[in-house]
Amino acid sequence: MKAIVVREFGEPSVMRVEDVPAPEAGPGQVLVRVRAVGVNPVDTYIRKGVYARKPSLPYTPGADAAGTVKAVGDGVTACAPGQRVYITGTVAGPFGACAELALCERAQVHPLPDAVTFEQGAAIGVPYGTAYRALFHRAQARPGETVLVHGGSGGVGTAAIQLASAAGLVVLATAGTERGLAHLTAQGSAFAFNHRAPGYADQILAATGGRGVDVILEMLANVNLNRDLALLARNGRVVVIGNRGTIEIDPRQTMSRDADIRGMTLFNASPADLAEIHAALGAGLRNGTLRPVVGREFPLAEAPAAHEAVMAPGAHGKIVLKA
């Protein structure tokens, strides 16, 4: 089968299409014919060898994908060949999702409703799982609270806006382009702000009547965290989802508000957490409240270009590879 193979850590050019042996489903495993693969910023950190979890070389990148079940191993009864699914990871070892076939544990495979395309299915795993865990597990957001999605036009931001809106939160969100601002409103944000405009933080405070927001989901903490603290209401929480460096903050901003800074990564979610997350996401996909947005599509062979695009500013939805 065709697969993207990484034989050394480095720049996007280290990813190359190769012919590799096709995996087979063992006990408790599912073999999926991949139709589309999601590209996440974390994939680029792993490829460069700078992420906390470093795979053994060589490896095939990618965790999020969608397609159809090709075969199941002994003991698997909850899915069958031909079923449409999205996946949230692959078995440990060299088998990633950027391939014609992906080998998964049963718990990594989830039903994909007929109304959701394979490309949209590839946009679910990391973005929607991260957004759900940030909102409801880490921030413990409640209906009626206000949430600021700081960087709302990308994959995680889009998911967070949809999830928060469906749960009854008042959503404020930021983006850096006119297209991005229109995207925020289309996804359900009640207020949209250009985070490149002077004074946008004052506009956010004004939109809350000076009270501040209860929750901030932060995609670029090394730039925004200190400013975020001044935007919080009393007992407010900032959840750090993304960060690319260091920043100096004034802790007094947390003292005066009894505020919290909470980190998170989806990799820390327990099996029970993940089961809850995908039960909720499955319901949202079926009833239409969750609508993954695909911003750009690349052929599998153009994975290096997709890795460059996912780190570029001006994100709009999810970047997907077509397998």
C-alpha atoms as a PDB file:
ATOM      1  CA  MET A   1       0.000   0.000   0.000  1.00  0.00           C
ATOM      2  CA  LYS A   2       0.993   3.650  -0.347  1.00  0.00           C
ATOM      3  CA  ALA A   3       1.906   5.513   2.840  1.00  0.00           C
ATOM      4  CA  ILE A   4       3.746   8.625   3.963  1.00  0.00           C
ATOM      5  CA  VAL A   5       6.953   7.522   5.705  1.00  0.00           C
ATOM      6  CA  VAL A   6       9.223   9.634   7.926  1.00  0.00           C
ATOM      7  CA  ARG A   7      12.745   8.173   8.277  1.00  0.00           C
ATOM      8  CA  GLU A   8      14.329  11.147  10.048  1.00  0.00           C
ATOM      9  CA  PHE A   9      12.978  14.067  12.061  1.00  0.00           C
ATOM     10  CA  GLY A  10      13.103  17.411  10.335  1.00  0.00           C
ATOM     11  CA  GLU A  11      11.382  19.764   7.928  1.00  0.00           C
ATOM     12  CA  PRO A  12       8.292  18.805   5.864  1.00  0.00           C
ATOM     13  CA  SER A  13      10.489  17.393   3.095  1.00  0.00           C
ATOM     14  CA  VAL A  14      11.331  14.361   5.265  1.00  0.00           C
ATOM     15  CA  MET A  15       7.838  13.013   4.489  1.00  0.00           C
ATOM     16  CA  ARG A  16       7.828  10.809   1.401  1.00  0.00           C
ATOM     17  CA  VAL A  17       5.341   8.436  -0.225  1.00  0.00           C
ATOM     18  CA  GLU A  18       6.556   4.825  -0.150  1.00  0.00           C
ATOM     19  CA  ASP A  19       5.192   1.366  -0.842  1.00  0.00           C
ATOM     20  CA  VAL A  20       4.928  -0.475   2.476  1.00  0.00           C
ATOM     21  CA  PRO A  21       3.376  -3.801   3.525  1.00  0.00           C
ATOM     22  CA  ALA A  22      -0.323  -3.614   4.324  1.00  0.00           C
ATOM     23  CA  PRO A  23      -1.196  -4.284   7.988  1.00  0.00           C
ATOM     24  CA  GLU A  24      -3.682  -6.938   9.067  1.00  0.00           C
ATOM     25  CA  ALA A  25      -6.282  -6.715  11.819  1.00  0.00           C
ATOM     26  CA  GLY A  26      -5.409  -8.725  14.891  1.00  0.00           C
ATOM     27  CA  PRO A  27      -7.659  -9.484  17.891  1.00  0.00           C
ATOM     28  CA  GLY A  28      -9.571  -6.387  18.988  1.00  0.00           C
ATOM     29  CA  GLN A  29      -8.348  -4.382  15.999  1.00  0.00           C
ATOM     30  CA  VAL A  30      -9.980  -2.736  12.992  1.00  0.00           C
ATOM     31  CA  LEU A  31      -8.433  -2.166   9.559  1.00  0.00           C
ATOM     32  CA  VAL A  32      -9.767   0.992   7.902  1.00  0.00           C
ATOM     33  CA  ARG A  33      -9.583   1.975   4.230  1.00  0.00           C
ATOM     34  CA  VAL A  34      -8.621   5.623   4.573  1.00  0.00           C
ATOM     35  CA  ARG A  35     -10.335   8.222   2.379  1.00  0.00           C
ATOM     36  CA  ALA A  36      -9.214  11.447   4.091  1.00  0.00           C
ATOM     37  CA  VAL A  37      -6.665  12.383   6.770  1.00  0.00           C
ATOM     38  CA  GLY A  38      -6.716  15.429   9.033  1.00  0.00           C
ATOM     39  CA  VAL A  39      -3.558  17.524   9.491  1.00  0.00           C
ATOM     40  CA  ASN A  40      -2.997  19.027  12.944  1.00  0.00           C
ATOM     41  CA  PRO A  41      -0.295  21.380  14.270  1.00  0.00           C
ATOM     42  CA  VAL A  42       0.812  18.633  16.669  1.00  0.00           C
ATOM     43  CA  ASP A  43       1.681  16.475  13.645  1.00  0.00           C
ATOM     44  CA  THR A  44       4.294  19.047  12.641  1.00  0.00           C
ATOM     45  CA  TYR A  45       5.870  19.099  16.121  1.00  0.00           C
ATOM     46  CA  ILE A  46       6.117  15.292  16.108  1.00  0.00           C
ATOM     47  CA  ARG A  47       7.631  15.304  12.600  1.00  0.00           C
ATOM     48  CA  LYS A  48      10.284  17.802  13.713  1.00  0.00           C
ATOM     49  CA  GLY A  49      11.116  15.688  16.769  1.00  0.00           C
ATOM     50  CA  VAL A  50      10.339  18.480  19.237  1.00  0.00           C
ATOM     51  CA  TYR A  51       7.159  17.076  20.782  1.00  0.00           C
ATOM     52  CA  ALA A  52       7.142  15.406  24.202  1.00  0.00           C
ATOM     53  CA  ARG A  53       6.067  12.127  22.600  1.00  0.00           C
ATOM     54  CA  LYS A  54       8.539  11.050  19.954  1.00  0.00           C
ATOM     55  CA  PRO A  55       7.777   7.984  17.787  1.00  0.00           C
ATOM     56  CA  SER A  56      10.401   5.455  16.812  1.00  0.00           C
ATOM     57  CA  LEU A  57      11.725   5.860  13.295  1.00  0.00           C
ATOM     58  CA  PRO A  58      10.597   5.154  10.672  1.00  0.00           C
ATOM     59  CA  TYR A  59       6.943   6.000  11.192  1.00  0.00           C
ATOM     60  CA  THR A  60       3.832   7.059   9.290  1.00  0.00           C
ATOM     61  CA  PRO A  61       2.301  10.299  10.626  1.00  0.00           C
ATOM     62  CA  GLY A  62      -1.332  11.155  11.242  1.00  0.00           C
ATOM     63  CA  ALA A  63      -3.971  10.253  13.830  1.00  0.00           C
ATOM     64  CA  ASP A  64      -7.260  11.659  12.502  1.00  0.00           C
ATOM     65  CA  ALA A  65      -8.856  10.079   9.447  1.00  0.00           C
ATOM     66  CA  ALA A  66     -12.107   8.821   7.976  1.00  0.00           C
ATOM     67  CA  GLY A  67     -12.999   6.002   5.635  1.00  0.00           C
ATOM     68  CA  THR A  68     -14.634   2.588   5.636  1.00  0.00           C
ATOM     69  CA  VAL A  69     -13.955  -0.554   7.626  1.00  0.00           C
ATOM     70  CA  LYS A  70     -12.028  -3.060   5.508  1.00  0.00           C
ATOM     71  CA  ALA A  71     -11.638  -5.867   8.047  1.00  0.00           C
ATOM     72  CA  VAL A  72     -12.057  -6.588  11.754  1.00  0.00           C
ATOM     73  CA  GLY A  73     -10.098  -8.832  14.068  1.00  0.00           C
ATOM     74  CA  ASP A  74     -11.364 -11.463  16.482  1.00  0.00           C
ATOM     75  CA  GLY A  75     -13.592 -10.112  19.211  1.00  0.00           C
ATOM     76  CA  VAL A  76     -14.727  -7.005  17.310  1.00  0.00           C
ATOM     77  CA  THR A  77     -18.511  -6.963  16.995  1.00  0.00           C
ATOM     78  CA  ALA A  78     -19.437  -3.273  17.167  1.00  0.00           C
ATOM     79  CA  CYS A  79     -18.385  -2.483  13.579  1.00  0.00           C
ATOM     80  CA  ALA A  80     -18.366  -4.410  10.319  1.00  0.00           C
ATOM     81  CA  PRO A  81     -16.690  -4.251   6.898  1.00  0.00           C
ATOM     82  CA  GLY A  82     -18.108  -1.466   4.747  1.00  0.00           C
ATOM     83  CA  GLN A  83     -19.161   0.729   7.678  1.00  0.00           C
ATOM     84  CA  ARG A  84     -18.337   4.438   7.428  1.00  0.00           C
ATOM     85  CA  VAL A  85     -16.129   5.545  10.333  1.00  0.00           C
ATOM     86  CA  TYR A  86     -13.814   8.238  11.623  1.00  0.00           C
ATOM     87  CA  ILE A  87     -10.731   7.317  13.617  1.00  0.00           C
ATOM     88  CA  THR A  88      -8.898   8.996  16.480  1.00  0.00           C
ATOM     89  CA  GLY A  89      -5.554   7.262  16.361  1.00  0.00           C
ATOM     90  CA  THR A  90      -3.852   4.089  15.218  1.00  0.00           C
ATOM     91  CA  VAL A  91      -2.130   1.176  16.946  1.00  0.00           C
ATOM     92  CA  ALA A  92       1.225   1.806  18.578  1.00  0.00           C
ATOM     93  CA  GLY A  93       4.108   1.395  16.175  1.00  0.00           C
ATOM     94  CA  PRO A  94       4.780   2.646  12.647  1.00  0.00           C
ATOM     95  CA  PHE A  95       1.179   2.589  11.388  1.00  0.00           C
ATOM     96  CA  GLY A  96      -0.161   6.153  11.134  1.00  0.00           C
ATOM     97  CA  ALA A  97      -3.228   7.430   9.288  1.00  0.00           C
ATOM     98  CA  CYS A  98      -1.395   8.989   6.303  1.00  0.00           C
ATOM     99  CA  ALA A  99      -1.754   5.807   4.307  1.00  0.00           C
ATOM    100  CA  GLU A 100      -4.220   3.870   2.217  1.00  0.00           C
ATOM    101  CA  LEU A 101      -4.936   1.601   5.201  1.00  0.00           C
ATOM    102  CA  ALA A 102      -4.894   2.390   8.930  1.00  0.00           C
ATOM    103  CA  LEU A 103      -4.757  -0.207  11.693  1.00  0.00           C
ATOM    104  CA  CYS A 104      -6.690   0.853  14.800  1.00  0.00           C
ATOM    105  CA  GLU A 105      -7.726  -0.428  18.170  1.00  0.00           C
ATOM    106  CA  ARG A 106     -11.487  -0.838  18.466  1.00  0.00           C
ATOM    107  CA  ALA A 107     -11.814   2.143  20.825  1.00  0.00           C
ATOM    108  CA  GLN A 108     -10.196   4.403  18.197  1.00  0.00           C
ATOM    109  CA  VAL A 109     -12.967   3.787  15.634  1.00  0.00           C
ATOM    110  CA  HIS A 110     -16.274   5.692  15.684  1.00  0.00           C
ATOM    111  CA  PRO A 111     -19.365   5.689  13.433  1.00  0.00           C
ATOM    112  CA  LEU A 112     -19.520   8.433  10.798  1.00  0.00           C
ATOM    113  CA  PRO A 113     -23.081   9.545   9.964  1.00  0.00           C
ATOM    114  CA  ASP A 114     -24.040   9.432   6.283  1.00  0.00           C
ATOM    115  CA  ALA A 115     -24.574  13.203   6.212  1.00  0.00           C
ATOM    116  CA  VAL A 116     -20.918  13.816   7.184  1.00  0.00           C
ATOM    117  CA  THR A 117     -18.361  13.547   4.378  1.00  0.00           C
ATOM    118  CA  PHE A 118     -15.088  11.661   4.738  1.00  0.00           C
ATOM    119  CA  GLU A 119     -13.258  14.977   4.546  1.00  0.00           C
ATOM    120  CA  GLN A 120     -15.348  16.316   7.419  1.00  0.00           C
ATOM    121  CA  GLY A 121     -14.810  13.067   9.294  1.00  0.00           C
ATOM    122  CA  ALA A 122     -11.063  13.589   9.094  1.00  0.00           C
ATOM    123  CA  ALA A 123     -11.586  16.967  10.808  1.00  0.00           C
ATOM    124  CA  ILE A 124     -13.167  15.529  13.970  1.00  0.00           C
ATOM    125  CA  GLY A 125     -10.648  13.691  16.152  1.00  0.00           C
ATOM    126  CA  VAL A 126      -8.065  16.127  17.514  1.00  0.00           C
ATOM    127  CA  PRO A 127      -9.943  19.414  16.893  1.00  0.00           C
ATOM    128  CA  TYR A 128     -13.302  18.410  18.337  1.00  0.00           C
ATOM    129  CA  GLY A 129     -11.803  16.199  21.043  1.00  0.00           C
ATOM    130  CA  THR A 130      -9.517  19.036  22.140  1.00  0.00           C
ATOM    131  CA  ALA A 131     -12.302  21.610  22.095  1.00  0.00           C
ATOM    132  CA  TYR A 132     -14.660  19.385  24.103  1.00  0.00           C
ATOM    133  CA  ARG A 133     -12.024  18.540  26.703  1.00  0.00           C
ATOM    134  CA  ALA A 134     -10.941  22.179  27.007  1.00  0.00           C
ATOM    135  CA  LEU A 135     -14.492  23.458  27.444  1.00  0.00           C
ATOM    136  CA  PHE A 136     -16.105  20.817  29.602  1.00  0.00           C
ATOM    137  CA  HIS A 137     -13.341  18.846  31.321  1.00  0.00           C
ATOM    138  CA  ARG A 138     -10.738  21.536  31.985  1.00  0.00           C
ATOM    139  CA  ALA A 139     -12.729  24.808  32.035  1.00  0.00           C
ATOM    140  CA  GLN A 140     -15.895  23.125  33.376  1.00  0.00           C
ATOM    141  CA  ALA A 141     -17.923  25.599  31.346  1.00  0.00           C
ATOM    142  CA  ARG A 142     -21.619  25.865  32.151  1.00  0.00           C
ATOM    143  CA  PRO A 143     -24.643  27.066  30.143  1.00  0.00           C
ATOM    144  CA  GLY A 144     -25.073  30.825  30.435  1.00  0.00           C
ATOM    145  CA  GLU A 145     -21.376  31.544  30.916  1.00  0.00           C
ATOM    146  CA  THR A 146     -19.366  33.577  28.424  1.00  0.00           C
ATOM    147  CA  VAL A 147     -16.467  31.992  26.552  1.00  0.00           C
ATOM    148  CA  LEU A 148     -13.836  33.736  24.437  1.00  0.00           C
ATOM    149  CA  VAL A 149     -12.326  31.528  21.742  1.00  0.00           C
ATOM    150  CA  HIS A 150      -9.050  33.342  21.117  1.00  0.00           C
ATOM    151  CA  GLY A 151      -8.195  32.186  17.606  1.00  0.00           C
ATOM    152  CA  GLY A 152     -11.538  30.830  16.491  1.00  0.00           C
ATOM    153  CA  SER A 153     -11.131  30.330  12.755  1.00  0.00           C
ATOM    154  CA  GLY A 154      -8.962  27.184  12.809  1.00  0.00           C
ATOM    155  CA  GLY A 155      -9.976  23.587  13.379  1.00  0.00           C
ATOM    156  CA  VAL A 156     -10.065  23.649  17.203  1.00  0.00           C
ATOM    157  CA  GLY A 157     -11.591  27.129  17.283  1.00  0.00           C
ATOM    158  CA  THR A 158     -14.355  26.145  14.876  1.00  0.00           C
ATOM    159  CA  ALA A 159     -15.150  23.084  16.977  1.00  0.00           C
ATOM    160  CA  ALA A 160     -15.132  25.101  20.198  1.00  0.00           C
ATOM    161  CA  ILE A 161     -17.571  27.699  18.845  1.00  0.00           C
ATOM    162  CA  GLN A 162     -20.001  25.022  17.685  1.00  0.00           C
ATOM    163  CA  LEU A 163     -19.774  23.040  20.928  1.00  0.00           C
ATOM    164  CA  ALA A 164     -20.121  26.099  23.163  1.00  0.00           C
ATOM    165  CA  SER A 165     -23.057  27.476  21.199  1.00  0.00           C
ATOM    166  CA  ALA A 166     -24.862  24.126  21.318  1.00  0.00           C
ATOM    167  CA  ALA A 167     -24.311  23.949  25.096  1.00  0.00           C
ATOM    168  CA  GLY A 168     -25.887  27.354  25.762  1.00  0.00           C
ATOM    169  CA  LEU A 169     -22.771  29.442  26.323  1.00  0.00           C
ATOM    170  CA  VAL A 170     -22.421  32.992  24.989  1.00  0.00           C
ATOM    171  CA  VAL A 171     -19.535  32.860  22.525  1.00  0.00           C
ATOM    172  CA  LEU A 172     -17.064  35.609  21.695  1.00  0.00           C
ATOM    173  CA  ALA A 173     -14.280  34.781  19.260  1.00  0.00           C
ATOM    174  CA  THR A 174     -11.335  36.349  17.464  1.00  0.00           C
ATOM    175  CA  ALA A 175      -9.728  35.972  14.052  1.00  0.00           C
ATOM    176  CA  GLY A 176      -7.195  37.938  12.036  1.00  0.00           C
ATOM    177  CA  THR A 177      -8.872  38.407   8.652  1.00  0.00           C
ATOM    178  CA  GLU A 178     -12.234  39.540   7.305  1.00  0.00           C
ATOM    179  CA  ARG A 179     -12.834  36.029   5.997  1.00  0.00           C
ATOM    180  CA  GLY A 180     -12.029  34.661   9.420  1.00  0.00           C
ATOM    181  CA  LEU A 181     -14.425  37.058  11.128  1.00  0.00           C
ATOM    182  CA  ALA A 182     -17.246  36.009   8.804  1.00  0.00           C
ATOM    183  CA  HIS A 183     -16.391  32.394   9.607  1.00  0.00           C
ATOM    184  CA  LEU A 184     -16.774  33.015  13.348  1.00  0.00           C
ATOM    185  CA  THR A 185     -20.264  34.400  12.930  1.00  0.00           C
ATOM    186  CA  ALA A 186     -21.271  31.565  10.602  1.00  0.00           C
ATOM    187  CA  GLN A 187     -20.237  28.998  13.228  1.00  0.00           C
ATOM    188  CA  GLY A 188     -22.342  30.598  15.961  1.00  0.00           C
ATOM    189  CA  SER A 189     -20.208  33.226  17.672  1.00  0.00           C
ATOM    190  CA  ALA A 190     -22.354  36.055  19.054  1.00  0.00           C
ATOM    191  CA  PHE A 191     -19.419  38.507  18.803  1.00  0.00           C
ATOM    192  CA  ALA A 192     -16.415  38.526  16.463  1.00  0.00           C
ATOM    193  CA  PHE A 193     -13.250  40.592  16.991  1.00  0.00           C
ATOM    194  CA  ASN A 194     -10.146  41.145  14.880  1.00  0.00           C
ATOM    195  CA  HIS A 195      -7.201  40.313  17.138  1.00  0.00           C
ATOM    196  CA  ARG A 196      -4.909  42.305  14.848  1.00  0.00           C
ATOM    197  CA  ALA A 197      -6.846  45.530  15.371  1.00  0.00           C
ATOM    198  CA  PRO A 198      -5.663  48.057  17.996  1.00  0.00           C
ATOM    199  CA  GLY A 199      -7.879  48.087  21.047  1.00  0.00           C
ATOM    200  CA  TYR A 200      -9.658  44.807  20.332  1.00  0.00           C
ATOM    201  CA  ALA A 201      -9.326  43.770  24.000  1.00  0.00           C
ATOM    202  CA  ASP A 202     -11.252  46.887  25.034  1.00  0.00           C
ATOM    203  CA  GLN A 203     -13.975  45.914  22.572  1.00  0.00           C
ATOM    204  CA  ILE A 204     -14.221  42.466  24.175  1.00  0.00           C
ATOM    205  CA  LEU A 205     -14.611  43.973  27.650  1.00  0.00           C
ATOM    206  CA  ALA A 206     -17.229  46.391  26.342  1.00  0.00           C
ATOM    207  CA  ALA A 207     -19.199  43.495  24.838  1.00  0.00           C
ATOM    208  CA  THR A 208     -19.426  41.949  28.322  1.00  0.00           C
ATOM    209  CA  GLY A 209     -20.494  45.222  29.929  1.00  0.00           C
ATOM    210  CA  GLY A 210     -17.078  45.461  31.595  1.00  0.00           C
ATOM    211  CA  ARG A 211     -17.597  42.227  33.537  1.00  0.00           C
ATOM    212  CA  GLY A 212     -15.123  40.107  31.554  1.00  0.00           C
ATOM    213  CA  VAL A 213     -15.464  36.572  30.256  1.00  0.00           C
ATOM    214  CA  ASP A 214     -15.782  33.405  32.291  1.00  0.00           C
ATOM    215  CA  VAL A 215     -13.656  31.171  30.074  1.00  0.00           C
ATOM    216  CA  ILE A 216     -10.911  31.811  27.520  1.00  0.00           C
ATOM    217  CA  LEU A 217      -9.701  29.098  25.179  1.00  0.00           C
ATOM    218  CA  GLU A 218      -6.219  30.203  24.152  1.00  0.00           C
ATOM    219  CA  MET A 219      -4.547  28.920  20.967  1.00  0.00           C
ATOM    220  CA  LEU A 220      -1.385  31.076  21.150  1.00  0.00           C
ATOM    221  CA  ALA A 221      -0.534  31.608  24.803  1.00  0.00           C
ATOM    222  CA  ASN A 222       2.984  32.896  24.189  1.00  0.00           C
ATOM    223  CA  VAL A 223       1.435  35.974  22.555  1.00  0.00           C
ATOM    224  CA  ASN A 224      -1.866  36.442  24.350  1.00  0.00           C
ATOM    225  CA  LEU A 225      -1.786  34.990  27.866  1.00  0.00           C
ATOM    226  CA  ASN A 226      -0.984  38.147  29.835  1.00  0.00           C
ATOM    227  CA  ARG A 227      -3.645  40.090  27.933  1.00  0.00           C
ATOM    228  CA  ASP A 228      -6.111  37.252  28.509  1.00  0.00           C
ATOM    229  CA  LEU A 229      -5.802  37.561  32.278  1.00  0.00           C
ATOM    230  CA  ALA A 230      -7.069  41.145  32.122  1.00  0.00           C
ATOM    231  CA  LEU A 231     -10.144  39.986  30.201  1.00  0.00           C
ATOM    232  CA  LEU A 232     -11.334  37.468  32.793  1.00  0.00           C
ATOM    233  CA  ALA A 233     -14.328  37.867  35.068  1.00  0.00           C
ATOM    234  CA  ARG A 234     -14.056  36.889  38.730  1.00  0.00           C
ATOM    235  CA  ASN A 235     -13.384  33.128  38.999  1.00  0.00           C
ATOM    236  CA  GLY A 236     -12.512  33.089  35.307  1.00  0.00           C
ATOM    237  CA  ARG A 237     -10.430  30.341  33.698  1.00  0.00           C
ATOM    238  CA  VAL A 238      -7.924  30.413  30.838  1.00  0.00           C
ATOM    239  CA  VAL A 239      -7.308  27.051  29.209  1.00  0.00           C
ATOM    240  CA  VAL A 240      -4.037  26.920  27.298  1.00  0.00           C
ATOM    241  CA  ILE A 241      -4.566  24.835  24.162  1.00  0.00           C
ATOM    242  CA  GLY A 242      -1.688  26.101  22.023  1.00  0.00           C
ATOM    243  CA  ASN A 243       1.673  27.720  22.712  1.00  0.00           C
ATOM    244  CA  ARG A 244       4.863  28.348  20.724  1.00  0.00           C
ATOM    245  CA  GLY A 245       7.224  29.976  23.202  1.00  0.00           C
ATOM    246  CA  THR A 246       7.547  31.801  26.514  1.00  0.00           C
ATOM    247  CA  ILE A 247       5.790  34.872  27.879  1.00  0.00           C
ATOM    248  CA  GLU A 248       6.007  37.091  30.952  1.00  0.00           C
ATOM    249  CA  ILE A 249       2.742  37.491  32.868  1.00  0.00           C
ATOM    250  CA  ASP A 250       1.584  39.530  35.849  1.00  0.00           C
ATOM    251  CA  PRO A 251       0.277  37.015  38.446  1.00  0.00           C
ATOM    252  CA  ARG A 252      -1.543  39.855  40.231  1.00  0.00           C
ATOM    253  CA  GLN A 253      -4.128  39.663  37.440  1.00  0.00           C
ATOM    254  CA  THR A 254      -5.061  36.186  38.691  1.00  0.00           C
ATOM    255  CA  MET A 255      -5.062  37.221  42.367  1.00  0.00           C
ATOM    256  CA  SER A 256      -7.586  40.010  41.988  1.00  0.00           C
ATOM    257  CA  ARG A 257      -9.994  37.725  40.125  1.00  0.00           C
ATOM    258  CA  ASP A 258      -9.421  34.355  41.835  1.00  0.00           C
ATOM    259  CA  ALA A 259      -8.614  33.292  38.291  1.00  0.00           C
ATOM    260  CA  ASP A 260      -7.054  30.072  37.019  1.00  0.00           C
ATOM    261  CA  ILE A 261      -4.651  29.208  34.209  1.00  0.00           C
ATOM    262  CA  ARG A 262      -5.209  25.599  33.192  1.00  0.00           C
ATOM    263  CA  GLY A 263      -3.111  23.679  30.717  1.00  0.00           C
ATOM    264  CA  MET A 264      -4.340  20.741  28.683  1.00  0.00           C
ATOM    265  CA  THR A 265      -3.476  18.184  26.067  1.00  0.00           C
ATOM    266  CA  LEU A 266      -5.813  15.632  24.571  1.00  0.00           C
ATOM    267  CA  PHE A 267      -3.164  12.941  25.162  1.00  0.00           C
ATOM    268  CA  ASN A 268      -3.889  13.159  28.912  1.00  0.00           C
ATOM    269  CA  ALA A 269      -7.534  12.163  28.471  1.00  0.00           C
ATOM    270  CA  SER A 270      -8.383   8.828  30.082  1.00  0.00           C
ATOM    271  CA  PRO A 271     -10.258   6.063  28.246  1.00  0.00           C
ATOM    272  CA  ALA A 272     -13.393   7.089  30.162  1.00  0.00           C
ATOM    273  CA  ASP A 273     -12.864  10.731  29.145  1.00  0.00           C
ATOM    274  CA  LEU A 274     -12.495   9.730  25.496  1.00  0.00           C
ATOM    275  CA  ALA A 275     -15.605   7.559  25.600  1.00  0.00           C
ATOM    276  CA  GLU A 276     -17.587  10.532  26.952  1.00  0.00           C
ATOM    277  CA  ILE A 277     -16.105  12.905  24.378  1.00  0.00           C
ATOM    278  CA  HIS A 278     -16.969  10.744  21.381  1.00  0.00           C
ATOM    279  CA  ALA A 279     -20.427   9.880  22.674  1.00  0.00           C
ATOM    280  CA  ALA A 280     -21.132  13.614  22.788  1.00  0.00           C
ATOM    281  CA  LEU A 281     -19.500  14.303  19.427  1.00  0.00           C
ATOM    282  CA  GLY A 282     -21.407  11.461  17.813  1.00  0.00           C
ATOM    283  CA  ALA A 283     -24.705  12.920  19.013  1.00  0.00           C
ATOM    284  CA  GLY A 284     -23.764  16.358  17.688  1.00  0.00           C
ATOM    285  CA  LEU A 285     -22.778  14.952  14.301  1.00  0.00           C
ATOM    286  CA  ARG A 286     -26.053  13.053  14.033  1.00  0.00           C
ATOM    287  CA  ASN A 287     -28.285  15.984  14.963  1.00  0.00           C
ATOM    288  CA  GLY A 288     -26.350  18.505  12.890  1.00  0.00           C
ATOM    289  CA  THR A 289     -25.191  20.850  15.657  1.00  0.00           C
ATOM    290  CA  LEU A 290     -21.582  19.893  14.854  1.00  0.00           C
ATOM    291  CA  ARG A 291     -20.517  20.667  11.284  1.00  0.00           C
ATOM    292  CA  PRO A 292     -16.777  20.196  10.640  1.00  0.00           C
ATOM    293  CA  VAL A 293     -15.434  22.792   8.210  1.00  0.00           C
ATOM    294  CA  VAL A 294     -12.744  21.794   5.715  1.00  0.00           C
ATOM    295  CA  GLY A 295     -10.694  24.788   4.644  1.00  0.00           C
ATOM    296  CA  ARG A 296      -8.182  23.199   2.242  1.00  0.00           C
ATOM    297  CA  GLU A 297      -7.590  19.789   0.690  1.00  0.00           C
ATOM    298  CA  PHE A 298      -4.294  18.311  -0.555  1.00  0.00           C
ATOM    299  CA  PRO A 299      -3.465  14.979  -2.215  1.00  0.00           C
ATOM    300  CA  LEU A 300      -1.669  12.565   0.111  1.00  0.00           C
ATOM    301  CA  ALA A 301       1.572  13.043  -1.828  1.00  0.00           C
ATOM    302  CA  GLU A 302       1.481  16.757  -0.966  1.00  0.00           C
ATOM    303  CA  ALA A 303       1.672  16.150   2.782  1.00  0.00           C
ATOM    304  CA  PRO A 304       4.748  18.438   3.061  1.00  0.00           C
ATOM    305  CA  ALA A 305       2.737  21.365   1.651  1.00  0.00           C
ATOM    306  CA  ALA A 306      -0.132  20.567   4.032  1.00  0.00           C
ATOM    307  CA  HIS A 307       2.264  20.636   7.008  1.00  0.00           C
ATOM    308  CA  GLU A 308       3.452  24.076   5.942  1.00  0.00           C
ATOM    309  CA  ALA A 309      -0.109  25.321   5.454  1.00  0.00           C
ATOM    310  CA  VAL A 310      -1.340  24.171   8.876  1.00  0.00           C
ATOM    311  CA  MET A 311       1.251  26.373  10.585  1.00  0.00           C
ATOM    312  CA  ALA A 312       0.572  29.457   8.466  1.00  0.00           C
ATOM    313  CA  PRO A 313      -1.516  32.352   9.881  1.00  0.00           C
ATOM    314  CA  GLY A 314      -5.059  32.989   8.690  1.00  0.00           C
ATOM    315  CA  ALA A 315      -6.472  29.518   9.343  1.00  0.00           C
ATOM    316  CA  HIS A 316      -9.964  28.793   8.037  1.00  0.00           C
ATOM    317  CA  GLY A 317     -11.314  25.428   9.109  1.00  0.00           C
ATOM    318  CA  LYS A 318      -9.395  22.177   8.798  1.00  0.00           C
ATOM    319  CA  ILE A 319      -6.636  21.069   6.405  1.00  0.00           C
ATOM    320  CA  VAL A 320      -7.202  17.589   5.001  1.00  0.00           C
ATOM    321  CA  LEU A 321      -5.221  15.119   2.896  1.00  0.00           C
ATOM    322  CA  LYS A 322      -7.118  12.990   0.341  1.00  0.00           C
ATOM    323  CA  ALA A 323      -5.932   9.391   0.446  1.00  0.00           C
END
